[in-house]
Amino acid sequence: MLGKSKKNENGKVVSPDRHAKSKSSAFLSSSTAREEKTVIGEHISIEGSIAGQENLEMEGFIKGSIELEKHDFTIGLKGRVEGEIRARNVRISGEVKGNIKASEKVGVTREADFYGEIKAKSISVEDGAYFKGVIELEREPHRKATDTQKPKESTVSEPGIKKITQPKKEK
């Protein structure tokens, strides 16, 4: 399908941008916003699994699993999901009943209804969202001190009294 060119205020010809940022893509990083995205409309119902190599926005209903390991998944205002979601980033504005495993971030908007478990590096829940579930935040493992020196020996002879030694003077 070809788009019609439009003129801006200066009279310059501008072609339509297929990938214009929407509210949901503002959640994604600027490099991610330029990637391809598929939208499943509100009148579509799917029972089964979805796996893909691009970003996906759900406005319809799915009962099953969603596997988008290196891509982003958005549940729109009218979207509903029952099942397991695995994606890089997940944004919820609709209803989700199930578990989410995100390698990066999960965002729950004020319009969302969420029931389940979330495991991610980062999560944000807007004021007004309904959330009933469990959150597990992943983090980098704690690094142990790599100090290989022995602890200095104490020069205290009695508690609270320091033993002061002066260097010997040569005669």
N, C-alpha and C. Protein backbone atom coordinates (compact mmCIF):
# COMPACT_ATOMS: atom_id res chain seq x y z
N MET A 1 0.85 -1.17 0.00
CA MET A 1 0.00 0.00 0.00
C MET A 1 0.89 1.23 0.00
N LEU A 2 0.63 2.16 -0.86
CA LEU A 2 1.42 3.37 -0.97
C LEU A 2 0.79 4.47 -0.15
N GLY A 3 1.67 5.24 0.53
CA GLY A 3 1.16 6.37 1.31
C GLY A 3 1.22 7.63 0.47
N LYS A 4 0.37 8.57 0.75
CA LYS A 4 0.35 9.84 0.03
C LYS A 4 1.34 10.79 0.69
N SER A 5 2.02 11.57 -0.13
CA SER A 5 2.93 12.58 0.39
C SER A 5 2.13 13.78 0.85
N LYS A 6 2.64 14.44 1.88
CA LYS A 6 1.99 15.64 2.40
C LYS A 6 3.00 16.77 2.41
N LYS A 7 2.49 18.00 2.43
CA LYS A 7 3.35 19.17 2.53
C LYS A 7 3.26 19.70 3.95
N ASN A 8 4.43 20.07 4.49
CA ASN A 8 4.42 20.65 5.82
C ASN A 8 4.16 22.15 5.72
N GLU A 9 4.28 22.85 6.87
CA GLU A 9 3.97 24.28 6.91
C GLU A 9 4.84 25.10 5.96
N ASN A 10 6.06 24.65 5.70
CA ASN A 10 7.00 25.37 4.84
C ASN A 10 6.82 25.03 3.36
N GLY A 11 5.86 24.19 3.05
CA GLY A 11 5.62 23.80 1.67
C GLY A 11 6.52 22.66 1.19
N LYS A 12 7.31 22.10 2.09
CA LYS A 12 8.22 21.02 1.75
C LYS A 12 7.45 19.70 1.72
N VAL A 13 7.73 18.82 0.73
CA VAL A 13 7.04 17.54 0.61
C VAL A 13 7.59 16.57 1.65
N VAL A 14 6.70 15.97 2.41
CA VAL A 14 7.07 15.04 3.46
C VAL A 14 6.30 13.76 3.24
N SER A 15 7.00 12.61 3.27
CA SER A 15 6.29 11.33 3.12
C SER A 15 5.87 10.85 4.50
N PRO A 16 4.79 10.09 4.58
CA PRO A 16 4.30 9.62 5.88
C PRO A 16 5.30 8.66 6.51
N ASP A 17 5.40 8.69 7.83
CA ASP A 17 6.30 7.82 8.56
C ASP A 17 5.53 6.63 9.10
N ARG A 18 5.86 5.44 8.60
CA ARG A 18 5.18 4.21 9.05
C ARG A 18 5.47 3.91 10.51
N HIS A 19 6.61 4.38 10.96
CA HIS A 19 7.04 4.01 12.30
C HIS A 19 6.95 5.17 13.27
N ALA A 20 5.92 5.97 13.16
CA ALA A 20 5.75 7.12 14.07
C ALA A 20 5.63 6.60 15.49
N LYS A 21 6.19 7.33 16.43
CA LYS A 21 6.15 6.90 17.83
C LYS A 21 4.75 7.06 18.39
N SER A 22 4.28 6.03 19.07
CA SER A 22 3.01 6.10 19.78
C SER A 22 3.33 6.12 21.26
N LYS A 23 2.30 6.19 22.10
CA LYS A 23 2.52 6.16 23.54
C LYS A 23 3.26 4.88 23.93
N SER A 24 2.87 3.77 23.33
CA SER A 24 3.48 2.50 23.72
C SER A 24 4.92 2.40 23.26
N SER A 25 5.29 2.99 22.14
CA SER A 25 6.67 2.89 21.69
C SER A 25 7.56 3.88 22.43
N ALA A 26 6.99 4.85 23.13
CA ALA A 26 7.80 5.77 23.91
C ALA A 26 8.48 5.03 25.05
N PHE A 27 7.90 3.91 25.47
CA PHE A 27 8.46 3.06 26.51
C PHE A 27 9.75 2.42 26.04
N LEU A 28 9.85 2.17 24.75
CA LEU A 28 11.01 1.49 24.20
C LEU A 28 12.14 2.46 24.00
N SER A 29 13.34 1.93 23.90
CA SER A 29 14.49 2.80 23.66
C SER A 29 14.41 3.37 22.24
N SER A 30 15.15 4.43 21.98
CA SER A 30 15.08 5.07 20.67
C SER A 30 15.51 4.15 19.55
N SER A 31 16.49 3.26 19.79
CA SER A 31 16.90 2.33 18.74
C SER A 31 15.83 1.27 18.49
N THR A 32 15.12 0.88 19.54
CA THR A 32 14.08 -0.13 19.41
C THR A 32 12.87 0.41 18.66
N ALA A 33 12.57 1.69 18.82
CA ALA A 33 11.38 2.28 18.22
C ALA A 33 11.42 2.21 16.69
N ARG A 34 12.60 2.09 16.10
CA ARG A 34 12.73 2.03 14.65
C ARG A 34 12.56 0.62 14.10
N GLU A 35 12.51 -0.40 14.97
CA GLU A 35 12.37 -1.77 14.51
C GLU A 35 10.94 -2.03 14.04
N GLU A 36 10.78 -3.08 13.25
CA GLU A 36 9.45 -3.47 12.77
C GLU A 36 8.58 -3.92 13.93
N LYS A 37 7.27 -3.70 13.80
CA LYS A 37 6.32 -4.07 14.84
C LYS A 37 5.08 -4.62 14.18
N THR A 38 4.54 -5.70 14.72
CA THR A 38 3.29 -6.27 14.25
C THR A 38 2.22 -5.96 15.29
N VAL A 39 1.04 -5.59 14.82
CA VAL A 39 -0.08 -5.30 15.71
C VAL A 39 -1.17 -6.34 15.44
N ILE A 40 -1.64 -6.98 16.52
CA ILE A 40 -2.76 -7.91 16.43
C ILE A 40 -3.98 -7.15 16.91
N GLY A 41 -4.95 -6.97 16.03
CA GLY A 41 -6.12 -6.13 16.28
C GLY A 41 -7.04 -6.64 17.36
N GLU A 42 -7.89 -5.74 17.84
CA GLU A 42 -8.78 -6.05 18.97
C GLU A 42 -9.83 -7.11 18.65
N HIS A 43 -10.11 -7.38 17.38
CA HIS A 43 -11.13 -8.37 17.02
C HIS A 43 -10.52 -9.73 16.69
N ILE A 44 -9.25 -9.93 17.05
CA ILE A 44 -8.55 -11.19 16.79
C ILE A 44 -8.36 -11.93 18.10
N SER A 45 -8.67 -13.25 18.10
CA SER A 45 -8.43 -14.12 19.24
C SER A 45 -7.52 -15.25 18.80
N ILE A 46 -6.55 -15.57 19.63
CA ILE A 46 -5.59 -16.62 19.31
C ILE A 46 -5.51 -17.57 20.49
N GLU A 47 -5.56 -18.86 20.20
CA GLU A 47 -5.34 -19.88 21.22
C GLU A 47 -4.16 -20.70 20.74
N GLY A 48 -3.04 -20.62 21.47
CA GLY A 48 -1.82 -21.30 21.06
C GLY A 48 -0.61 -20.46 21.39
N SER A 49 0.50 -20.75 20.72
CA SER A 49 1.76 -20.06 21.00
C SER A 49 2.11 -19.09 19.89
N ILE A 50 2.77 -18.00 20.27
CA ILE A 50 3.29 -17.04 19.31
C ILE A 50 4.79 -16.93 19.57
N ALA A 51 5.58 -17.03 18.52
CA ALA A 51 7.02 -16.83 18.61
C ALA A 51 7.41 -15.94 17.44
N GLY A 52 8.35 -15.03 17.66
CA GLY A 52 8.71 -14.15 16.57
C GLY A 52 10.03 -13.45 16.76
N GLN A 53 10.43 -12.76 15.71
CA GLN A 53 11.69 -12.03 15.67
C GLN A 53 11.46 -10.55 15.41
N GLU A 54 10.37 -10.01 15.90
CA GLU A 54 10.11 -8.58 15.82
C GLU A 54 9.21 -8.19 16.97
N ASN A 55 9.04 -6.90 17.18
CA ASN A 55 8.20 -6.40 18.26
C ASN A 55 6.73 -6.70 17.95
N LEU A 56 5.94 -6.91 19.00
CA LEU A 56 4.54 -7.27 18.84
C LEU A 56 3.69 -6.44 19.78
N GLU A 57 2.57 -5.95 19.25
CA GLU A 57 1.58 -5.25 20.07
C GLU A 57 0.27 -6.01 19.99
N MET A 58 -0.30 -6.34 21.13
CA MET A 58 -1.53 -7.13 21.21
C MET A 58 -2.69 -6.24 21.63
N GLU A 59 -3.67 -6.08 20.74
CA GLU A 59 -4.91 -5.38 21.07
C GLU A 59 -6.05 -6.37 21.18
N GLY A 60 -5.82 -7.61 20.74
CA GLY A 60 -6.82 -8.66 20.79
C GLY A 60 -6.63 -9.53 22.01
N PHE A 61 -6.96 -10.83 21.88
CA PHE A 61 -6.90 -11.78 22.98
C PHE A 61 -6.03 -12.96 22.59
N ILE A 62 -5.15 -13.39 23.50
CA ILE A 62 -4.38 -14.61 23.29
C ILE A 62 -4.39 -15.45 24.56
N LYS A 63 -4.62 -16.74 24.36
CA LYS A 63 -4.50 -17.71 25.44
C LYS A 63 -3.41 -18.66 25.01
N GLY A 64 -2.25 -18.53 25.66
CA GLY A 64 -1.10 -19.35 25.27
C GLY A 64 0.19 -18.62 25.62
N SER A 65 1.28 -19.07 25.01
CA SER A 65 2.58 -18.47 25.34
C SER A 65 3.06 -17.55 24.23
N ILE A 66 3.84 -16.56 24.64
CA ILE A 66 4.42 -15.59 23.71
C ILE A 66 5.93 -15.62 23.92
N GLU A 67 6.67 -15.90 22.85
CA GLU A 67 8.14 -15.99 22.91
C GLU A 67 8.74 -14.96 21.96
N LEU A 68 9.22 -13.87 22.52
CA LEU A 68 9.88 -12.82 21.75
C LEU A 68 11.17 -12.44 22.48
N GLU A 69 12.01 -13.41 22.76
CA GLU A 69 13.18 -13.26 23.63
C GLU A 69 13.97 -11.98 23.42
N LYS A 70 14.22 -11.58 22.18
CA LYS A 70 15.06 -10.41 21.92
C LYS A 70 14.26 -9.21 21.42
N HIS A 71 12.96 -9.24 21.64
CA HIS A 71 12.09 -8.18 21.13
C HIS A 71 11.10 -7.75 22.21
N ASP A 72 10.33 -6.72 21.90
CA ASP A 72 9.42 -6.12 22.87
C ASP A 72 7.98 -6.53 22.62
N PHE A 73 7.22 -6.65 23.71
CA PHE A 73 5.82 -7.04 23.63
C PHE A 73 4.99 -6.02 24.39
N THR A 74 3.95 -5.51 23.73
CA THR A 74 3.06 -4.52 24.33
C THR A 74 1.64 -5.07 24.34
N ILE A 75 0.99 -4.98 25.49
CA ILE A 75 -0.42 -5.33 25.59
C ILE A 75 -1.16 -3.99 25.64
N GLY A 76 -1.88 -3.69 24.56
CA GLY A 76 -2.58 -2.42 24.44
C GLY A 76 -3.76 -2.33 25.39
N LEU A 77 -4.44 -1.19 25.38
CA LEU A 77 -5.58 -0.94 26.27
C LEU A 77 -6.66 -2.01 26.16
N LYS A 78 -6.91 -2.51 24.95
CA LYS A 78 -7.97 -3.50 24.75
C LYS A 78 -7.42 -4.92 24.70
N GLY A 79 -6.11 -5.07 24.85
CA GLY A 79 -5.47 -6.38 24.78
C GLY A 79 -5.65 -7.20 26.04
N ARG A 80 -5.73 -8.52 25.85
CA ARG A 80 -5.84 -9.46 26.98
C ARG A 80 -4.95 -10.65 26.70
N VAL A 81 -4.21 -11.08 27.71
CA VAL A 81 -3.33 -12.23 27.58
C VAL A 81 -3.53 -13.15 28.77
N GLU A 82 -3.68 -14.44 28.47
CA GLU A 82 -3.70 -15.49 29.50
C GLU A 82 -2.60 -16.46 29.15
N GLY A 83 -1.51 -16.41 29.90
CA GLY A 83 -0.41 -17.33 29.62
C GLY A 83 0.95 -16.73 29.95
N GLU A 84 1.96 -17.41 29.48
CA GLU A 84 3.37 -17.07 29.73
C GLU A 84 3.88 -16.10 28.68
N ILE A 85 4.60 -15.05 29.12
CA ILE A 85 5.20 -14.08 28.21
C ILE A 85 6.70 -14.04 28.46
N ARG A 86 7.47 -14.20 27.38
CA ARG A 86 8.94 -14.06 27.44
C ARG A 86 9.33 -13.06 26.37
N ALA A 87 9.93 -11.94 26.81
CA ALA A 87 10.33 -10.90 25.88
C ALA A 87 11.44 -10.06 26.49
N ARG A 88 12.03 -9.19 25.68
CA ARG A 88 13.07 -8.28 26.19
C ARG A 88 12.42 -7.25 27.12
N ASN A 89 11.45 -6.50 26.61
CA ASN A 89 10.69 -5.52 27.38
C ASN A 89 9.22 -5.84 27.22
N VAL A 90 8.44 -5.63 28.28
CA VAL A 90 7.00 -5.85 28.23
C VAL A 90 6.31 -4.62 28.81
N ARG A 91 5.31 -4.15 28.09
CA ARG A 91 4.51 -3.01 28.56
C ARG A 91 3.05 -3.46 28.61
N ILE A 92 2.42 -3.26 29.77
CA ILE A 92 1.05 -3.73 29.97
C ILE A 92 0.13 -2.53 30.15
N SER A 93 -0.86 -2.42 29.27
CA SER A 93 -1.91 -1.43 29.43
C SER A 93 -3.27 -2.12 29.52
N GLY A 94 -3.35 -3.35 29.08
CA GLY A 94 -4.59 -4.13 29.12
C GLY A 94 -4.59 -5.08 30.30
N GLU A 95 -5.06 -6.31 30.06
CA GLU A 95 -5.18 -7.30 31.13
C GLU A 95 -4.26 -8.49 30.87
N VAL A 96 -3.53 -8.90 31.91
CA VAL A 96 -2.65 -10.06 31.82
C VAL A 96 -2.90 -10.96 33.01
N LYS A 97 -3.13 -12.25 32.71
CA LYS A 97 -3.22 -13.30 33.73
C LYS A 97 -2.17 -14.33 33.37
N GLY A 98 -1.06 -14.30 34.10
CA GLY A 98 0.02 -15.23 33.79
C GLY A 98 1.35 -14.67 34.24
N ASN A 99 2.41 -15.33 33.80
CA ASN A 99 3.75 -14.97 34.23
C ASN A 99 4.53 -14.28 33.12
N ILE A 100 5.38 -13.35 33.54
CA ILE A 100 6.20 -12.60 32.59
C ILE A 100 7.66 -12.79 32.97
N LYS A 101 8.48 -13.11 31.98
CA LYS A 101 9.94 -13.18 32.14
C LYS A 101 10.51 -12.22 31.12
N ALA A 102 11.02 -11.08 31.59
CA ALA A 102 11.60 -10.06 30.70
C ALA A 102 13.09 -9.98 30.97
N SER A 103 13.89 -9.95 29.90
CA SER A 103 15.33 -9.83 30.08
C SER A 103 15.72 -8.41 30.46
N GLU A 104 14.84 -7.44 30.26
CA GLU A 104 15.13 -6.06 30.61
C GLU A 104 14.05 -5.49 31.55
N LYS A 105 13.03 -4.82 30.98
CA LYS A 105 12.08 -4.05 31.79
C LYS A 105 10.63 -4.46 31.56
N VAL A 106 9.83 -4.34 32.62
CA VAL A 106 8.38 -4.49 32.54
C VAL A 106 7.76 -3.18 33.03
N GLY A 107 6.83 -2.65 32.24
CA GLY A 107 6.11 -1.44 32.61
C GLY A 107 4.63 -1.73 32.71
N VAL A 108 4.03 -1.39 33.85
CA VAL A 108 2.60 -1.61 34.07
C VAL A 108 1.95 -0.22 34.15
N THR A 109 1.10 0.10 33.17
CA THR A 109 0.49 1.42 33.13
C THR A 109 -0.72 1.50 34.06
N ARG A 110 -1.23 2.70 34.27
CA ARG A 110 -2.36 2.91 35.18
C ARG A 110 -3.62 2.20 34.71
N GLU A 111 -3.74 1.91 33.42
CA GLU A 111 -4.94 1.25 32.89
C GLU A 111 -4.88 -0.27 33.03
N ALA A 112 -3.74 -0.81 33.44
CA ALA A 112 -3.51 -2.27 33.43
C ALA A 112 -4.18 -3.00 34.58
N ASP A 113 -4.49 -4.27 34.32
CA ASP A 113 -4.91 -5.24 35.34
C ASP A 113 -3.95 -6.41 35.20
N PHE A 114 -3.16 -6.67 36.24
CA PHE A 114 -2.17 -7.74 36.18
C PHE A 114 -2.36 -8.72 37.31
N TYR A 115 -2.34 -10.03 36.97
CA TYR A 115 -2.45 -11.12 37.93
C TYR A 115 -1.36 -12.13 37.57
N GLY A 116 -0.35 -12.29 38.41
CA GLY A 116 0.69 -13.27 38.10
C GLY A 116 2.03 -12.93 38.68
N GLU A 117 3.08 -13.44 38.05
CA GLU A 117 4.45 -13.24 38.51
C GLU A 117 5.26 -12.53 37.43
N ILE A 118 6.15 -11.66 37.88
CA ILE A 118 7.04 -10.94 36.97
C ILE A 118 8.47 -11.17 37.42
N LYS A 119 9.32 -11.52 36.47
CA LYS A 119 10.75 -11.64 36.72
C LYS A 119 11.45 -10.78 35.67
N ALA A 120 12.18 -9.74 36.12
CA ALA A 120 12.82 -8.81 35.20
C ALA A 120 13.96 -8.09 35.92
N LYS A 121 14.75 -7.34 35.14
CA LYS A 121 15.81 -6.52 35.73
C LYS A 121 15.24 -5.24 36.33
N SER A 122 14.14 -4.76 35.74
CA SER A 122 13.55 -3.49 36.17
C SER A 122 12.04 -3.55 35.98
N ILE A 123 11.31 -2.89 36.87
CA ILE A 123 9.85 -2.84 36.73
C ILE A 123 9.36 -1.47 37.18
N SER A 124 8.32 -0.99 36.49
CA SER A 124 7.65 0.23 36.92
C SER A 124 6.15 -0.04 36.91
N VAL A 125 5.48 0.43 37.96
CA VAL A 125 4.03 0.28 38.08
C VAL A 125 3.47 1.67 38.32
N GLU A 126 2.65 2.14 37.37
CA GLU A 126 2.07 3.47 37.50
C GLU A 126 0.97 3.47 38.56
N ASP A 127 0.82 4.61 39.20
CA ASP A 127 -0.22 4.80 40.19
C ASP A 127 -1.59 4.58 39.53
N GLY A 128 -2.42 3.74 40.11
CA GLY A 128 -3.75 3.46 39.57
C GLY A 128 -3.85 2.10 38.91
N ALA A 129 -2.72 1.46 38.63
CA ALA A 129 -2.75 0.12 38.02
C ALA A 129 -3.23 -0.89 39.07
N TYR A 130 -3.88 -1.96 38.58
CA TYR A 130 -4.25 -3.05 39.47
C TYR A 130 -3.16 -4.10 39.34
N PHE A 131 -2.56 -4.49 40.45
CA PHE A 131 -1.47 -5.47 40.42
C PHE A 131 -1.66 -6.46 41.55
N LYS A 132 -1.83 -7.74 41.19
CA LYS A 132 -1.91 -8.80 42.19
C LYS A 132 -0.91 -9.85 41.75
N GLY A 133 0.22 -9.90 42.44
CA GLY A 133 1.23 -10.85 42.00
C GLY A 133 2.51 -10.77 42.78
N VAL A 134 3.54 -11.33 42.16
CA VAL A 134 4.86 -11.45 42.75
C VAL A 134 5.86 -10.82 41.79
N ILE A 135 6.82 -10.10 42.35
CA ILE A 135 7.87 -9.49 41.54
C ILE A 135 9.21 -10.03 42.01
N GLU A 136 10.04 -10.46 41.05
CA GLU A 136 11.41 -10.86 41.35
C GLU A 136 12.33 -10.05 40.44
N LEU A 137 13.14 -9.20 41.06
CA LEU A 137 14.06 -8.38 40.29
C LEU A 137 15.42 -9.09 40.22
N GLU A 138 15.93 -9.24 39.02
CA GLU A 138 17.25 -9.84 38.83
C GLU A 138 18.29 -8.77 39.02
N ARG A 139 19.43 -9.18 39.50
CA ARG A 139 20.52 -8.22 39.66
C ARG A 139 21.85 -8.92 39.43
N GLU A 140 22.87 -8.09 39.27
CA GLU A 140 24.22 -8.62 39.09
C GLU A 140 24.64 -9.27 40.40
N PRO A 141 25.41 -10.36 40.32
CA PRO A 141 25.87 -10.99 41.56
C PRO A 141 26.80 -10.04 42.33
N HIS A 142 26.73 -10.13 43.65
CA HIS A 142 27.60 -9.30 44.48
C HIS A 142 29.04 -9.73 44.27
N ARG A 143 29.92 -8.76 44.16
CA ARG A 143 31.34 -9.07 43.99
C ARG A 143 31.99 -9.06 45.37
N LYS A 144 32.77 -10.10 45.65
CA LYS A 144 33.48 -10.17 46.91
C LYS A 144 34.75 -9.34 46.81
N ALA A 145 35.19 -8.82 47.94
CA ALA A 145 36.43 -8.03 47.95
C ALA A 145 37.58 -8.92 47.52
N THR A 146 38.42 -8.39 46.69
CA THR A 146 39.55 -9.17 46.18
C THR A 146 40.84 -8.74 46.85
N ASP A 147 40.73 -8.21 48.06
CA ASP A 147 41.90 -7.77 48.81
C ASP A 147 42.66 -9.00 49.26
N THR A 148 43.87 -9.18 48.75
CA THR A 148 44.67 -10.37 49.07
C THR A 148 45.63 -10.10 50.22
N GLN A 149 45.66 -8.88 50.74
CA GLN A 149 46.55 -8.56 51.84
C GLN A 149 45.97 -9.11 53.14
N LYS A 150 46.88 -9.48 54.03
CA LYS A 150 46.45 -9.93 55.35
C LYS A 150 45.99 -8.71 56.14
N PRO A 151 45.04 -8.90 57.01
CA PRO A 151 44.65 -7.76 57.85
C PRO A 151 45.83 -7.38 58.74
N LYS A 152 46.02 -6.09 58.98
CA LYS A 152 47.13 -5.62 59.80
C LYS A 152 46.92 -6.09 61.23
N GLU A 153 48.05 -6.47 61.84
CA GLU A 153 47.99 -6.93 63.22
C GLU A 153 47.72 -5.75 64.13
N SER A 154 46.95 -6.01 65.11
CA SER A 154 46.60 -4.96 66.04
C SER A 154 47.78 -4.63 66.93
N THR A 155 47.98 -3.37 67.22
CA THR A 155 49.03 -2.94 68.14
C THR A 155 48.43 -2.57 69.49
N VAL A 156 47.26 -3.04 69.75
CA VAL A 156 46.58 -2.73 71.01
C VAL A 156 46.94 -3.80 72.02
N SER A 157 47.47 -3.35 73.17
CA SER A 157 47.84 -4.31 74.20
C SER A 157 46.69 -4.55 75.16
N GLU A 158 45.96 -3.52 75.43
CA GLU A 158 44.78 -3.64 76.29
C GLU A 158 43.62 -2.93 75.60
N PRO A 159 42.40 -3.35 75.86
CA PRO A 159 41.28 -2.67 75.23
C PRO A 159 41.31 -1.18 75.54
N GLY A 160 41.20 -0.40 74.47
CA GLY A 160 41.12 1.04 74.61
C GLY A 160 42.47 1.73 74.74
N ILE A 161 43.58 0.98 74.87
CA ILE A 161 44.90 1.58 75.01
C ILE A 161 45.74 1.16 73.81
N LYS A 162 46.29 2.12 73.13
CA LYS A 162 47.13 1.82 71.97
C LYS A 162 48.57 1.72 72.40
N LYS A 163 49.26 0.80 71.83
CA LYS A 163 50.68 0.67 72.07
C LYS A 163 51.38 1.43 70.96
N ILE A 164 52.14 2.43 71.32
CA ILE A 164 52.82 3.25 70.34
C ILE A 164 54.28 2.85 70.33
N THR A 165 54.77 2.54 69.18
CA THR A 165 56.19 2.22 69.06
C THR A 165 56.87 3.29 68.24
N GLN A 166 58.04 3.70 68.72
CA GLN A 166 58.79 4.71 68.00
C GLN A 166 59.97 4.04 67.33
N PRO A 167 60.40 4.59 66.19
CA PRO A 167 61.55 3.98 65.53
C PRO A 167 62.80 4.14 66.38
N LYS A 168 63.67 3.14 66.32
CA LYS A 168 64.91 3.18 67.07
C LYS A 168 65.85 4.21 66.44
N LYS A 169 66.54 4.95 67.32
CA LYS A 169 67.49 5.94 66.85
C LYS A 169 68.87 5.27 66.78
N GLU A 170 69.58 5.57 65.74
CA GLU A 170 70.93 5.02 65.61
C GLU A 170 71.88 5.84 66.46
N LYS A 171 72.86 5.17 67.02
CA LYS A 171 73.81 5.86 67.90
C LYS A 171 75.08 6.18 67.19
